[in-house]
Amino acid sequence: MARKMTIELTIPGSFKGEPIFYFMVKNYDIIPNIIEASFSTEMGWAIVEIQGEYEEVKSLIGFLESKGVEVKTR
């Protein structure tokens, strides 16, 4: 069953230059909708609505956290 939720991401500066949203689509079959975001050389943050199957969402969040991205669900 598809799940739709909003997440807040705090992204370390080490992700600069990495296509994080492309990974969501390509590797996790997630549809992201960026609601608001800001990025600098030190860090970034984003509020993203994501839609996908429960296991895909769960796997994506685990991947992001393992890379040092702080994930808060709304």
C-alpha atoms as a PDB file:
ATOM      1  CA  MET A   1       0.000   0.000   0.000  1.00  0.00           C
ATOM      2  CA  ALA A   2       1.396   3.387  -0.988  1.00  0.00           C
ATOM      3  CA  ARG A   3       2.223   5.723   1.832  1.00  0.00           C
ATOM      4  CA  LYS A   4       2.378   9.515   1.670  1.00  0.00           C
ATOM      5  CA  MET A   5       4.181  11.482   4.350  1.00  0.00           C
ATOM      6  CA  THR A   6       6.168  14.636   4.954  1.00  0.00           C
ATOM      7  CA  ILE A   7       9.738  14.478   6.221  1.00  0.00           C
ATOM      8  CA  GLU A   8      12.211  17.131   7.316  1.00  0.00           C
ATOM      9  CA  LEU A   9      15.811  16.530   6.313  1.00  0.00           C
ATOM     10  CA  THR A  10      18.936  18.131   7.766  1.00  0.00           C
ATOM     11  CA  ILE A  11      21.659  17.350   5.262  1.00  0.00           C
ATOM     12  CA  PRO A  12      25.397  17.528   6.061  1.00  0.00           C
ATOM     13  CA  GLY A  13      27.643  19.590   3.793  1.00  0.00           C
ATOM     14  CA  SER A  14      29.385  16.379   2.714  1.00  0.00           C
ATOM     15  CA  PHE A  15      26.327  15.654   0.552  1.00  0.00           C
ATOM     16  CA  LYS A  16      26.984  18.748  -1.552  1.00  0.00           C
ATOM     17  CA  GLY A  17      27.321  17.602  -5.118  1.00  0.00           C
ATOM     18  CA  GLU A  18      25.503  14.293  -4.510  1.00  0.00           C
ATOM     19  CA  PRO A  19      22.120  13.845  -6.205  1.00  0.00           C
ATOM     20  CA  ILE A  20      20.237  12.829  -3.051  1.00  0.00           C
ATOM     21  CA  PHE A  21      16.768  13.285  -4.580  1.00  0.00           C
ATOM     22  CA  TYR A  22      17.777  11.294  -7.661  1.00  0.00           C
ATOM     23  CA  PHE A  23      18.764   8.415  -5.319  1.00  0.00           C
ATOM     24  CA  MET A  24      15.282   8.543  -3.793  1.00  0.00           C
ATOM     25  CA  VAL A  25      13.651   8.026  -7.163  1.00  0.00           C
ATOM     26  CA  LYS A  26      16.178   5.647  -8.711  1.00  0.00           C
ATOM     27  CA  ASN A  27      17.014   3.368  -5.778  1.00  0.00           C
ATOM     28  CA  TYR A  28      13.886   3.463  -3.619  1.00  0.00           C
ATOM     29  CA  ASP A  29      10.965   3.966  -6.000  1.00  0.00           C
ATOM     30  CA  ILE A  30       9.937   7.069  -4.069  1.00  0.00           C
ATOM     31  CA  ILE A  31       8.159  10.104  -5.490  1.00  0.00           C
ATOM     32  CA  PRO A  32       9.580  13.201  -3.746  1.00  0.00           C
ATOM     33  CA  ASN A  33       7.902  16.605  -3.776  1.00  0.00           C
ATOM     34  CA  ILE A  34      10.198  19.306  -2.382  1.00  0.00           C
ATOM     35  CA  ILE A  35       8.018  21.700  -0.406  1.00  0.00           C
ATOM     36  CA  GLU A  36      10.809  23.979   0.799  1.00  0.00           C
ATOM     37  CA  ALA A  37      14.600  23.744   0.920  1.00  0.00           C
ATOM     38  CA  SER A  38      17.784  25.700   1.525  1.00  0.00           C
ATOM     39  CA  PHE A  39      21.372  24.614   0.944  1.00  0.00           C
ATOM     40  CA  SER A  40      24.744  26.172   1.719  1.00  0.00           C
ATOM     41  CA  THR A  41      28.309  24.870   1.705  1.00  0.00           C
ATOM     42  CA  GLU A  42      28.047  23.764   5.355  1.00  0.00           C
ATOM     43  CA  MET A  43      24.642  22.086   5.385  1.00  0.00           C
ATOM     44  CA  GLY A  44      21.174  21.998   3.949  1.00  0.00           C
ATOM     45  CA  TRP A  45      17.623  21.323   4.988  1.00  0.00           C
ATOM     46  CA  ALA A  46      14.531  20.315   3.127  1.00  0.00           C
ATOM     47  CA  ILE A  47      10.877  19.659   3.790  1.00  0.00           C
ATOM     48  CA  VAL A  48       9.853  16.907   1.408  1.00  0.00           C
ATOM     49  CA  GLU A  49       6.591  15.118   0.827  1.00  0.00           C
ATOM     50  CA  ILE A  50       7.348  11.546  -0.190  1.00  0.00           C
ATOM     51  CA  GLN A  51       5.086   8.864  -1.579  1.00  0.00           C
ATOM     52  CA  GLY A  52       5.885   5.184  -1.908  1.00  0.00           C
ATOM     53  CA  GLU A  53       5.339   1.725  -0.507  1.00  0.00           C
ATOM     54  CA  TYR A  54       5.880   1.403   3.258  1.00  0.00           C
ATOM     55  CA  GLU A  55       8.990  -0.796   2.951  1.00  0.00           C
ATOM     56  CA  GLU A  56      10.546   1.572   0.386  1.00  0.00           C
ATOM     57  CA  VAL A  57       9.939   4.582   2.653  1.00  0.00           C
ATOM     58  CA  LYS A  58      11.382   2.703   5.630  1.00  0.00           C
ATOM     59  CA  SER A  59      14.464   1.646   3.633  1.00  0.00           C
ATOM     60  CA  LEU A  60      14.997   5.181   2.318  1.00  0.00           C
ATOM     61  CA  ILE A  61      14.875   6.686   5.811  1.00  0.00           C
ATOM     62  CA  GLY A  62      17.357   4.051   7.052  1.00  0.00           C
ATOM     63  CA  PHE A  63      19.711   4.832   4.158  1.00  0.00           C
ATOM     64  CA  LEU A  64      19.557   8.581   4.778  1.00  0.00           C
ATOM     65  CA  GLU A  65      20.192   8.178   8.505  1.00  0.00           C
ATOM     66  CA  SER A  66      23.144   5.857   7.838  1.00  0.00           C
ATOM     67  CA  LYS A  67      24.682   8.655   5.738  1.00  0.00           C
ATOM     68  CA  GLY A  68      24.321  11.192   8.564  1.00  0.00           C
ATOM     69  CA  VAL A  69      21.149  12.883   7.343  1.00  0.00           C
ATOM     70  CA  GLU A  70      18.823  13.769  10.204  1.00  0.00           C
ATOM     71  CA  VAL A  71      15.268  12.715   9.335  1.00  0.00           C
ATOM     72  CA  LYS A  72      12.176  13.910  11.186  1.00  0.00           C
ATOM     73  CA  THR A  73       8.733  12.690  10.189  1.00  0.00           C
ATOM     74  CA  ARG A  74       5.666  14.876  10.427  1.00  0.00           C
END
